[in-house]
PDB file of N, CA and C in Angstrom:
ATOM      1  N   MET A   1     129.407 151.109  82.517  1.00  0.00           N
ATOM      2  CA  MET A   1     129.425 150.137  82.737  1.00  0.00           C
ATOM      3  C   MET A   1     128.295 149.446  82.510  1.00  0.00           C
ATOM      4  N   ALA A   2     128.139 148.493  81.559  1.00  0.00           N
ATOM      5  CA  ALA A   2     126.794 147.554  80.890  1.00  0.00           C
ATOM      6  C   ALA A   2     126.387 146.836  82.113  1.00  0.00           C
ATOM      7  N   LEU A   3     125.247 146.732  82.139  1.00  0.00           N
ATOM      8  CA  LEU A   3     124.406 145.727  82.949  1.00  0.00           C
ATOM      9  C   LEU A   3     125.221 144.188  82.643  1.00  0.00           C
ATOM     10  N   GLU A   4     125.154 143.246  84.119  1.00  0.00           N
ATOM     11  CA  GLU A   4     125.831 141.971  83.748  1.00  0.00           C
ATOM     12  C   GLU A   4     124.954 141.053  82.693  1.00  0.00           C
ATOM     13  N   ARG A   5     123.651 141.127  82.571  1.00  0.00           N
ATOM     14  CA  ARG A   5     122.700 140.450  81.589  1.00  0.00           C
ATOM     15  C   ARG A   5     122.906 141.163  80.204  1.00  0.00           C
ATOM     16  N   VAL A   6     123.622 142.406  80.273  1.00  0.00           N
ATOM     17  CA  VAL A   6     123.789 142.787  78.734  1.00  0.00           C
ATOM     18  C   VAL A   6     125.116 142.222  78.341  1.00  0.00           C
ATOM     19  N   PHE A   7     126.139 142.370  79.346  1.00  0.00           N
ATOM     20  CA  PHE A   7     127.461 141.594  78.843  1.00  0.00           C
ATOM     21  C   PHE A   7     127.314 140.143  78.837  1.00  0.00           C
ATOM     22  N   GLN A   8     126.520 139.555  79.239  1.00  0.00           N
ATOM     23  CA  GLN A   8     126.582 137.790  79.294  1.00  0.00           C
ATOM     24  C   GLN A   8     125.701 137.694  77.905  1.00  0.00           C
ATOM     25  N   ALA A   9     124.844 138.470  77.527  1.00  0.00           N
ATOM     26  CA  ALA A   9     124.484 138.115  76.009  1.00  0.00           C
ATOM     27  C   ALA A   9     125.573 138.621  74.899  1.00  0.00           C
ATOM     28  N   ARG A  10     126.244 139.380  75.111  1.00  0.00           N
ATOM     29  CA  ARG A  10     127.300 139.860  74.340  1.00  0.00           C
ATOM     30  C   ARG A  10     128.485 138.741  74.678  1.00  0.00           C
ATOM     31  N   LEU A  11     128.941 138.442  75.426  1.00  0.00           N
ATOM     32  CA  LEU A  11     129.457 136.940  75.619  1.00  0.00           C
ATOM     33  C   LEU A  11     128.890 135.751  74.894  1.00  0.00           C
ATOM     34  N   ILE A  12     127.923 135.273  75.116  1.00  0.00           N
ATOM     35  CA  ILE A  12     127.408 134.268  74.309  1.00  0.00           C
ATOM     36  C   ILE A  12     127.409 134.684  72.755  1.00  0.00           C
ATOM     37  N   ARG A  13     127.163 135.697  72.282  1.00  0.00           N
ATOM     38  CA  ARG A  13     127.291 136.028  70.816  1.00  0.00           C
ATOM     39  C   ARG A  13     128.887 136.188  70.302  1.00  0.00           C
ATOM     40  N   GLU A  14     129.782 136.396  71.150  1.00  0.00           N
ATOM     41  CA  GLU A  14     131.092 136.153  70.912  1.00  0.00           C
ATOM     42  C   GLU A  14     131.430 135.020  70.934  1.00  0.00           C
ATOM     43  N   LEU A  15     131.187 134.150  71.609  1.00  0.00           N
ATOM     44  CA  LEU A  15     131.302 132.677  72.011  1.00  0.00           C
ATOM     45  C   LEU A  15     130.856 131.877  70.434  1.00  0.00           C
ATOM     46  N   GLU A  16     129.794 132.191  70.377  1.00  0.00           N
ATOM     47  CA  GLU A  16     128.997 131.419  69.230  1.00  0.00           C
ATOM     48  C   GLU A  16     129.834 131.963  67.717  1.00  0.00           C
ATOM     49  N   ALA A  17     130.184 133.092  67.665  1.00  0.00           N
ATOM     50  CA  ALA A  17     130.866 133.771  66.420  1.00  0.00           C
ATOM     51  C   ALA A  17     132.272 133.233  66.441  1.00  0.00           C
ATOM     52  N   GLU A  18     133.200 133.209  67.695  1.00  0.00           N
ATOM     53  CA  GLU A  18     134.196 132.729  67.674  1.00  0.00           C
ATOM     54  C   GLU A  18     134.670 130.857  67.586  1.00  0.00           C
ATOM     55  N   PHE A  19     133.501 130.466  67.823  1.00  0.00           N
ATOM     56  CA  PHE A  19     133.575 129.060  68.017  1.00  0.00           C
ATOM     57  C   PHE A  19     132.375 128.266  67.138  1.00  0.00           C
ATOM     58  N   PRO A  20     132.359 128.235  66.052  1.00  0.00           N
ATOM     59  CA  PRO A  20     131.011 127.933  65.153  1.00  0.00           C
ATOM     60  C   PRO A  20     130.828 126.510  65.484  1.00  0.00           C
ATOM     61  N   GLY A  21     129.578 126.317  65.709  1.00  0.00           N
ATOM     62  CA  GLY A  21     129.119 124.845  66.142  1.00  0.00           C
ATOM     63  C   GLY A  21     129.407 124.623  67.504  1.00  0.00           C
ATOM     64  N   ALA A  22     129.797 125.448  68.412  1.00  0.00           N
ATOM     65  CA  ALA A  22     129.624 125.436  69.475  1.00  0.00           C
ATOM     66  C   ALA A  22     128.477 125.424  70.583  1.00  0.00           C
ATOM     67  N   VAL A  23     128.064 124.966  71.458  1.00  0.00           N
ATOM     68  CA  VAL A  23     126.579 124.922  72.082  1.00  0.00           C
ATOM     69  C   VAL A  23     127.161 125.710  73.528  1.00  0.00           C
ATOM     70  N   VAL A  24     126.445 126.946  73.602  1.00  0.00           N
ATOM     71  CA  VAL A  24     126.555 127.543  74.931  1.00  0.00           C
ATOM     72  C   VAL A  24     125.079 127.685  75.747  1.00  0.00           C
ATOM     73  N   LEU A  25     125.211 127.223  76.842  1.00  0.00           N
ATOM     74  CA  LEU A  25     123.910 127.033  77.631  1.00  0.00           C
ATOM     75  C   LEU A  25     124.084 127.917  78.849  1.00  0.00           C
ATOM     76  N   LYS A  26     122.671 128.628  79.201  1.00  0.00           N
ATOM     77  CA  LYS A  26     122.823 129.247  80.610  1.00  0.00           C
ATOM     78  C   LYS A  26     122.404 128.234  81.542  1.00  0.00           C
ATOM     79  N   THR A  27     123.148 128.299  82.755  1.00  0.00           N
ATOM     80  CA  THR A  27     122.812 127.493  83.825  1.00  0.00           C
ATOM     81  C   THR A  27     121.625 128.034  84.691  1.00  0.00           C
ATOM     82  N   ASP A  28     121.081 127.121  85.396  1.00  0.00           N
ATOM     83  CA  ASP A  28     119.644 127.608  86.223  1.00  0.00           C
ATOM     84  C   ASP A  28     120.400 127.909  87.530  1.00  0.00           C
ATOM     85  N   PRO A  29     120.134 129.241  87.887  1.00  0.00           N
ATOM     86  CA  PRO A  29     121.046 129.826  89.219  1.00  0.00           C
ATOM     87  C   PRO A  29     120.306 129.416  90.314  1.00  0.00           C
ATOM     88  N   SER A  30     119.222 128.944  90.171  1.00  0.00           N
ATOM     89  CA  SER A  30     118.674 128.214  91.645  1.00  0.00           C
ATOM     90  C   SER A  30     118.616 126.769  91.806  1.00  0.00           C
ATOM     91  N   TYR A  31     119.605 126.015  90.833  1.00  0.00           N
ATOM     92  CA  TYR A  31     119.705 124.738  91.214  1.00  0.00           C
ATOM     93  C   TYR A  31     120.959 124.687  92.020  1.00  0.00           C
ATOM     94  N   ILE A  32     122.237 125.019  91.691  1.00  0.00           N
ATOM     95  CA  ILE A  32     123.220 124.856  92.466  1.00  0.00           C
ATOM     96  C   ILE A  32     123.683 126.279  92.800  1.00  0.00           C
ATOM     97  N   GLN A  33     123.733 126.721  94.299  1.00  0.00           N
ATOM     98  CA  GLN A  33     124.186 128.332  94.308  1.00  0.00           C
ATOM     99  C   GLN A  33     125.738 128.579  93.915  1.00  0.00           C
ATOM    100  N   GLY A  34     125.778 129.326  93.414  1.00  0.00           N
ATOM    101  CA  GLY A  34     127.207 129.600  92.909  1.00  0.00           C
ATOM    102  C   GLY A  34     127.710 129.238  91.691  1.00  0.00           C
ATOM    103  N   PHE A  35     127.158 128.341  90.880  1.00  0.00           N
ATOM    104  CA  PHE A  35     127.676 127.674  89.846  1.00  0.00           C
ATOM    105  C   PHE A  35     127.704 128.639  88.694  1.00  0.00           C
ATOM    106  N   PRO A  36     128.693 128.524  87.783  1.00  0.00           N
ATOM    107  CA  PRO A  36     128.832 129.669  86.814  1.00  0.00           C
ATOM    108  C   PRO A  36     127.606 129.605  86.054  1.00  0.00           C
ATOM    109  N   ASP A  37     127.702 130.980  85.271  1.00  0.00           N
ATOM    110  CA  ASP A  37     126.355 131.232  84.106  1.00  0.00           C
ATOM    111  C   ASP A  37     126.242 130.553  83.187  1.00  0.00           C
ATOM    112  N   LEU A  38     127.218 130.258  82.421  1.00  0.00           N
ATOM    113  CA  LEU A  38     127.170 129.357  81.054  1.00  0.00           C
ATOM    114  C   LEU A  38     128.094 128.369  81.021  1.00  0.00           C
ATOM    115  N   LEU A  39     127.425 127.407  80.113  1.00  0.00           N
ATOM    116  CA  LEU A  39     128.126 126.285  80.098  1.00  0.00           C
ATOM    117  C   LEU A  39     128.638 126.016  78.563  1.00  0.00           C
ATOM    118  N   PHE A  40     129.806 125.865  78.323  1.00  0.00           N
ATOM    119  CA  PHE A  40     130.204 126.151  76.776  1.00  0.00           C
ATOM    120  C   PHE A  40     130.399 124.870  76.345  1.00  0.00           C
ATOM    121  N   LEU A  41     130.303 123.953  75.311  1.00  0.00           N
ATOM    122  CA  LEU A  41     130.677 122.900  74.839  1.00  0.00           C
ATOM    123  C   LEU A  41     130.791 122.858  73.225  1.00  0.00           C
ATOM    124  N   GLN A  42     131.982 122.277  73.187  1.00  0.00           N
ATOM    125  CA  GLN A  42     132.252 122.172  71.783  1.00  0.00           C
ATOM    126  C   GLN A  42     133.381 121.054  71.543  1.00  0.00           C
ATOM    127  N   ASP A  43     133.136 119.999  70.897  1.00  0.00           N
ATOM    128  CA  ASP A  43     133.557 118.829  70.461  1.00  0.00           C
ATOM    129  C   ASP A  43     133.617 117.924  71.771  1.00  0.00           C
ATOM    130  N   SER A  44     134.810 117.574  72.239  1.00  0.00           N
ATOM    131  CA  SER A  44     134.791 116.790  73.425  1.00  0.00           C
ATOM    132  C   SER A  44     135.514 117.853  74.605  1.00  0.00           C
ATOM    133  N   PHE A  45     135.641 118.931  74.121  1.00  0.00           N
ATOM    134  CA  PHE A  45     135.804 119.917  75.300  1.00  0.00           C
ATOM    135  C   PHE A  45     134.665 120.717  75.961  1.00  0.00           C
ATOM    136  N   TRP A  46     134.740 121.494  77.100  1.00  0.00           N
ATOM    137  CA  TRP A  46     133.828 122.104  77.551  1.00  0.00           C
ATOM    138  C   TRP A  46     134.522 123.155  78.429  1.00  0.00           C
ATOM    139  N   ALA A  47     133.549 124.230  79.013  1.00  0.00           N
ATOM    140  CA  ALA A  47     134.212 125.239  80.111  1.00  0.00           C
ATOM    141  C   ALA A  47     132.881 125.700  80.803  1.00  0.00           C
ATOM    142  N   ALA A  48     133.111 126.255  81.903  1.00  0.00           N
ATOM    143  CA  ALA A  48     132.033 127.188  82.721  1.00  0.00           C
ATOM    144  C   ALA A  48     132.603 128.510  82.840  1.00  0.00           C
ATOM    145  N   LEU A  49     131.624 129.385  82.531  1.00  0.00           N
ATOM    146  CA  LEU A  49     132.163 130.903  82.553  1.00  0.00           C
ATOM    147  C   LEU A  49     130.926 131.608  83.376  1.00  0.00           C
ATOM    148  N   GLU A  50     131.610 132.661  84.131  1.00  0.00           N
ATOM    149  CA  GLU A  50     130.599 133.233  85.206  1.00  0.00           C
ATOM    150  C   GLU A  50     130.992 134.649  84.723  1.00  0.00           C
ATOM    151  N   ALA A  51     129.856 135.090  84.042  1.00  0.00           N
ATOM    152  CA  ALA A  51     129.902 136.719  83.652  1.00  0.00           C
ATOM    153  C   ALA A  51     129.732 137.593  84.600  1.00  0.00           C
ATOM    154  N   LYS A  52     130.431 138.544  84.606  1.00  0.00           N
ATOM    155  CA  LYS A  52     130.529 139.852  85.614  1.00  0.00           C
ATOM    156  C   LYS A  52     130.996 141.074  84.787  1.00  0.00           C
ATOM    157  N   ARG A  53     129.977 141.871  85.276  1.00  0.00           N
ATOM    158  CA  ARG A  53     129.878 143.418  84.623  1.00  0.00           C
ATOM    159  C   ARG A  53     131.205 144.043  84.430  1.00  0.00           C
ATOM    160  N   ALA A  54     132.004 143.873  85.684  1.00  0.00           N
ATOM    161  CA  ALA A  54     133.391 144.350  86.127  1.00  0.00           C
ATOM    162  C   ALA A  54     134.242 143.557  86.743  1.00  0.00           C
ATOM    163  N   ARG A  55     135.640 143.530  86.825  1.00  0.00           N
ATOM    164  CA  ARG A  55     136.521 142.798  87.493  1.00  0.00           C
ATOM    165  C   ARG A  55     136.457 142.800  89.129  1.00  0.00           C
ATOM    166  N   ASN A  56     135.907 144.118  89.305  1.00  0.00           N
ATOM    167  CA  ASN A  56     135.493 144.361  91.017  1.00  0.00           C
ATOM    168  C   ASN A  56     134.070 144.007  91.266  1.00  0.00           C
ATOM    169  N   SER A  57     133.173 143.543  90.503  1.00  0.00           N
ATOM    170  CA  SER A  57     131.691 143.412  90.761  1.00  0.00           C
ATOM    171  C   SER A  57     131.767 142.065  91.980  1.00  0.00           C
ATOM    172  N   ALA A  58     130.837 142.296  92.569  1.00  0.00           N
ATOM    173  CA  ALA A  58     130.698 141.375  93.891  1.00  0.00           C
ATOM    174  C   ALA A  58     130.323 139.957  93.166  1.00  0.00           C
ATOM    175  N   ARG A  59     130.925 138.984  94.175  1.00  0.00           N
ATOM    176  CA  ARG A  59     130.493 137.315  93.922  1.00  0.00           C
ATOM    177  C   ARG A  59     129.684 136.922  94.892  1.00  0.00           C
ATOM    178  N   ARG A  60     128.848 136.252  94.299  1.00  0.00           N
ATOM    179  CA  ARG A  60     128.000 135.500  95.153  1.00  0.00           C
ATOM    180  C   ARG A  60     128.544 134.456  95.869  1.00  0.00           C
ATOM    181  N   PRO A  61     128.114 133.795  97.090  1.00  0.00           N
ATOM    182  CA  PRO A  61     128.467 132.731  97.774  1.00  0.00           C
ATOM    183  C   PRO A  61     128.687 131.584  96.844  1.00  0.00           C
ATOM    184  N   ASN A  62     129.889 130.996  96.741  1.00  0.00           N
ATOM    185  CA  ASN A  62     129.967 129.753  96.251  1.00  0.00           C
ATOM    186  C   ASN A  62     130.706 129.762  94.984  1.00  0.00           C
ATOM    187  N   GLN A  63     130.471 131.085  94.274  1.00  0.00           N
ATOM    188  CA  GLN A  63     131.219 131.322  93.003  1.00  0.00           C
ATOM    189  C   GLN A  63     132.495 130.867  92.738  1.00  0.00           C
ATOM    190  N   GLU A  64     133.433 131.409  93.626  1.00  0.00           N
ATOM    191  CA  GLU A  64     134.842 131.481  93.486  1.00  0.00           C
ATOM    192  C   GLU A  64     134.961 129.984  93.947  1.00  0.00           C
ATOM    193  N   TYR A  65     134.409 128.930  94.629  1.00  0.00           N
ATOM    194  CA  TYR A  65     134.395 127.857  94.796  1.00  0.00           C
ATOM    195  C   TYR A  65     134.307 127.077  93.409  1.00  0.00           C
ATOM    196  N   TRP A  66     133.217 127.209  92.699  1.00  0.00           N
ATOM    197  CA  TRP A  66     132.763 126.268  91.640  1.00  0.00           C
ATOM    198  C   TRP A  66     133.744 126.818  90.700  1.00  0.00           C
ATOM    199  N   VAL A  67     134.129 128.089  90.265  1.00  0.00           N
ATOM    200  CA  VAL A  67     135.020 128.560  89.176  1.00  0.00           C
ATOM    201  C   VAL A  67     136.261 127.764  89.493  1.00  0.00           C
ATOM    202  N   GLN A  68     137.043 127.641  90.679  1.00  0.00           N
ATOM    203  CA  GLN A  68     138.143 127.076  90.963  1.00  0.00           C
ATOM    204  C   GLN A  68     138.009 125.219  90.815  1.00  0.00           C
ATOM    205  N   ARG A  69     137.109 124.806  91.140  1.00  0.00           N
ATOM    206  CA  ARG A  69     136.773 123.588  91.026  1.00  0.00           C
ATOM    207  C   ARG A  69     136.352 123.016  89.488  1.00  0.00           C
ATOM    208  N   LEU A  70     135.488 123.749  88.922  1.00  0.00           N
ATOM    209  CA  LEU A  70     135.348 123.440  87.563  1.00  0.00           C
ATOM    210  C   LEU A  70     136.606 123.589  86.641  1.00  0.00           C
ATOM    211  N   ASN A  71     137.719 124.541  87.298  1.00  0.00           N
ATOM    212  CA  ASN A  71     138.755 124.641  86.382  1.00  0.00           C
ATOM    213  C   ASN A  71     139.407 123.467  86.633  1.00  0.00           C
ATOM    214  N   LEU A  72     139.501 123.124  87.545  1.00  0.00           N
ATOM    215  CA  LEU A  72     140.676 121.698  87.898  1.00  0.00           C
ATOM    216  C   LEU A  72     140.158 120.817  86.740  1.00  0.00           C
ATOM    217  N   MET A  73     138.770 120.596  86.493  1.00  0.00           N
ATOM    218  CA  MET A  73     138.234 119.459  85.857  1.00  0.00           C
ATOM    219  C   MET A  73     138.397 119.753  84.122  1.00  0.00           C
ATOM    220  N   SER A  74     138.278 121.073  83.767  1.00  0.00           N
ATOM    221  CA  SER A  74     138.487 121.686  82.639  1.00  0.00           C
ATOM    222  C   SER A  74     138.835 122.927  82.259  1.00  0.00           C
ATOM    223  N   TYR A  75     138.043 123.789  81.990  1.00  0.00           N
ATOM    224  CA  TYR A  75     138.476 125.255  82.194  1.00  0.00           C
ATOM    225  C   TYR A  75     137.251 126.051  82.980  1.00  0.00           C
ATOM    226  N   SER A  76     137.594 127.189  83.432  1.00  0.00           N
ATOM    227  CA  SER A  76     136.480 127.802  84.059  1.00  0.00           C
ATOM    228  C   SER A  76     137.023 129.109  84.648  1.00  0.00           C
ATOM    229  N   ARG A  77     136.322 130.298  84.384  1.00  0.00           N
ATOM    230  CA  ARG A  77     136.921 131.720  84.477  1.00  0.00           C
ATOM    231  C   ARG A  77     135.777 132.496  84.877  1.00  0.00           C
ATOM    232  N   PHE A  78     136.001 133.680  85.494  1.00  0.00           N
ATOM    233  CA  PHE A  78     135.452 134.771  85.768  1.00  0.00           C
ATOM    234  C   PHE A  78     135.505 135.638  84.448  1.00  0.00           C
ATOM    235  N   VAL A  79     134.666 135.855  83.598  1.00  0.00           N
ATOM    236  CA  VAL A  79     134.687 136.969  82.524  1.00  0.00           C
ATOM    237  C   VAL A  79     133.798 138.228  82.731  1.00  0.00           C
ATOM    238  N   TYR A  80     134.749 139.394  82.230  1.00  0.00           N
ATOM    239  CA  TYR A  80     134.181 140.474  82.422  1.00  0.00           C
ATOM    240  C   TYR A  80     134.959 141.499  81.319  1.00  0.00           C
ATOM    241  N   PRO A  81     134.034 142.332  80.891  1.00  0.00           N
ATOM    242  CA  PRO A  81     134.707 143.027  79.440  1.00  0.00           C
ATOM    243  C   PRO A  81     136.158 143.012  79.564  1.00  0.00           C
ATOM    244  N   SER A  82     136.790 143.557  80.324  1.00  0.00           N
ATOM    245  CA  SER A  82     138.334 143.736  80.284  1.00  0.00           C
ATOM    246  C   SER A  82     139.126 142.662  79.989  1.00  0.00           C
ATOM    247  N   ASN A  83     138.440 141.511  80.467  1.00  0.00           N
ATOM    248  CA  ASN A  83     139.431 140.116  80.158  1.00  0.00           C
ATOM    249  C   ASN A  83     138.710 139.378  79.148  1.00  0.00           C
ATOM    250  N   LEU A  84     137.849 139.814  78.502  1.00  0.00           N
ATOM    251  CA  LEU A  84     136.932 138.892  77.369  1.00  0.00           C
ATOM    252  C   LEU A  84     138.064 138.494  76.361  1.00  0.00           C
ATOM    253  N   ASP A  85     138.795 139.152  75.653  1.00  0.00           N
ATOM    254  CA  ASP A  85     139.663 138.873  74.519  1.00  0.00           C
ATOM    255  C   ASP A  85     140.791 137.662  75.365  1.00  0.00           C
ATOM    256  N   ASP A  86     141.041 137.994  76.639  1.00  0.00           N
ATOM    257  CA  ASP A  86     141.960 137.145  76.993  1.00  0.00           C
ATOM    258  C   ASP A  86     141.146 135.577  77.229  1.00  0.00           C
ATOM    259  N   VAL A  87     140.001 135.501  77.623  1.00  0.00           N
ATOM    260  CA  VAL A  87     139.519 134.196  77.939  1.00  0.00           C
ATOM    261  C   VAL A  87     139.007 133.520  76.857  1.00  0.00           C
ATOM    262  N   LEU A  88     138.853 134.416  75.493  1.00  0.00           N
ATOM    263  CA  LEU A  88     138.451 133.753  74.265  1.00  0.00           C
ATOM    264  C   LEU A  88     139.955 133.113  74.042  1.00  0.00           C
ATOM    265  N   GLU A  89     141.013 133.908  74.035  1.00  0.00           N
ATOM    266  CA  GLU A  89     142.227 133.046  73.437  1.00  0.00           C
ATOM    267  C   GLU A  89     142.506 131.794  74.343  1.00  0.00           C
ATOM    268  N   GLU A  90     142.303 131.838  75.899  1.00  0.00           N
ATOM    269  CA  GLU A  90     142.390 130.956  76.339  1.00  0.00           C
ATOM    270  C   GLU A  90     141.698 129.682  75.998  1.00  0.00           C
ATOM    271  N   LEU A  91     140.437 129.856  75.836  1.00  0.00           N
ATOM    272  CA  LEU A  91     139.450 129.182  75.325  1.00  0.00           C
ATOM    273  C   LEU A  91     139.988 128.303  74.087  1.00  0.00           C
ATOM    274  N   SER A  92     140.353 129.016  73.434  1.00  0.00           N
ATOM    275  CA  SER A  92     140.815 128.386  71.884  1.00  0.00           C
ATOM    276  C   SER A  92     142.072 127.545  72.006  1.00  0.00           C
ATOM    277  N   VAL A  93     142.909 127.692  72.851  1.00  0.00           N
ATOM    278  CA  VAL A  93     144.141 127.035  73.359  1.00  0.00           C
ATOM    279  C   VAL A  93     143.829 125.931  73.930  1.00  0.00           C
ATOM    280  N   ALA A  94     142.919 126.099  75.025  1.00  0.00           N
ATOM    281  CA  ALA A  94     142.412 124.820  75.879  1.00  0.00           C
ATOM    282  C   ALA A  94     141.949 124.003  74.783  1.00  0.00           C
ATOM    283  N   HIS A  95     141.003 124.592  74.106  1.00  0.00           N
ATOM    284  CA  HIS A  95     139.998 123.434  73.039  1.00  0.00           C
ATOM    285  C   HIS A  95     140.986 122.732  72.002  1.00  0.00           C
ATOM    286  N   MET A  96     141.882 123.588  71.649  1.00  0.00           N
ATOM    287  CA  MET A  96     142.982 123.017  70.643  1.00  0.00           C
ATOM    288  C   MET A  96     143.863 121.902  71.454  1.00  0.00           C
ATOM    289  N   TRP A  97     144.154 122.086  72.718  1.00  0.00           N
ATOM    290  CA  TRP A  97     145.041 121.249  73.340  1.00  0.00           C
ATOM    291  C   TRP A  97     144.225 119.999  73.626  1.00  0.00           C
ATOM    292  N   SER A  98     142.840 120.186  73.818  1.00  0.00           N
ATOM    293  CA  SER A  98     141.796 118.744  74.201  1.00  0.00           C
ATOM    294  C   SER A  98     141.627 118.155  73.080  1.00  0.00           C
ATOM    295  N   MET A  99     141.976 118.830  71.756  1.00  0.00           N
ATOM    296  CA  MET A  99     141.973 117.934  70.466  1.00  0.00           C
ATOM    297  C   MET A  99     143.211 116.880  70.648  1.00  0.00           C
ATOM    298  N   ASN A 100     144.042 117.703  70.708  1.00  0.00           N
ATOM    299  CA  ASN A 100     145.547 117.081  70.643  1.00  0.00           C
ATOM    300  C   ASN A 100     146.142 116.849  71.724  1.00  0.00           C
ATOM    301  N   PRO A 101     146.435 116.438  72.697  1.00  0.00           N
ATOM    302  CA  PRO A 101     147.080 116.446  73.983  1.00  0.00           C
ATOM    303  C   PRO A 101     148.409 116.117  74.079  1.00  0.00           C
ATOM    304  N   LYS A 102     149.194 115.818  72.829  1.00  0.00           N
ATOM    305  CA  LYS A 102     150.345 115.266  72.835  1.00  0.00           C
ATOM    306  C   LYS A 102     151.518 116.660  73.312  1.00  0.00           C
TER     307      LYS A 102
END
């Protein structure tokens, strides 16, 4: 099992490869406790992603709250190696829907 920072770097590379022109920002963990690690921006769509090294990795205080709240606004998920492909697919669909909400 890779360290979380190693998986996070892989996640950033995957996002940039899958979504050319997207901006992926690392958030400041000391600013808002529990706010997701990454902010993904493309066109008029955004997503917040919390990288974890495994599905059963410990969650810090407020992480569940922020992932749920931000998902109501746009798209937010906990991401780990075993659900990475699913999250990338969901992001693609959510992004396409945001461009054509018919």
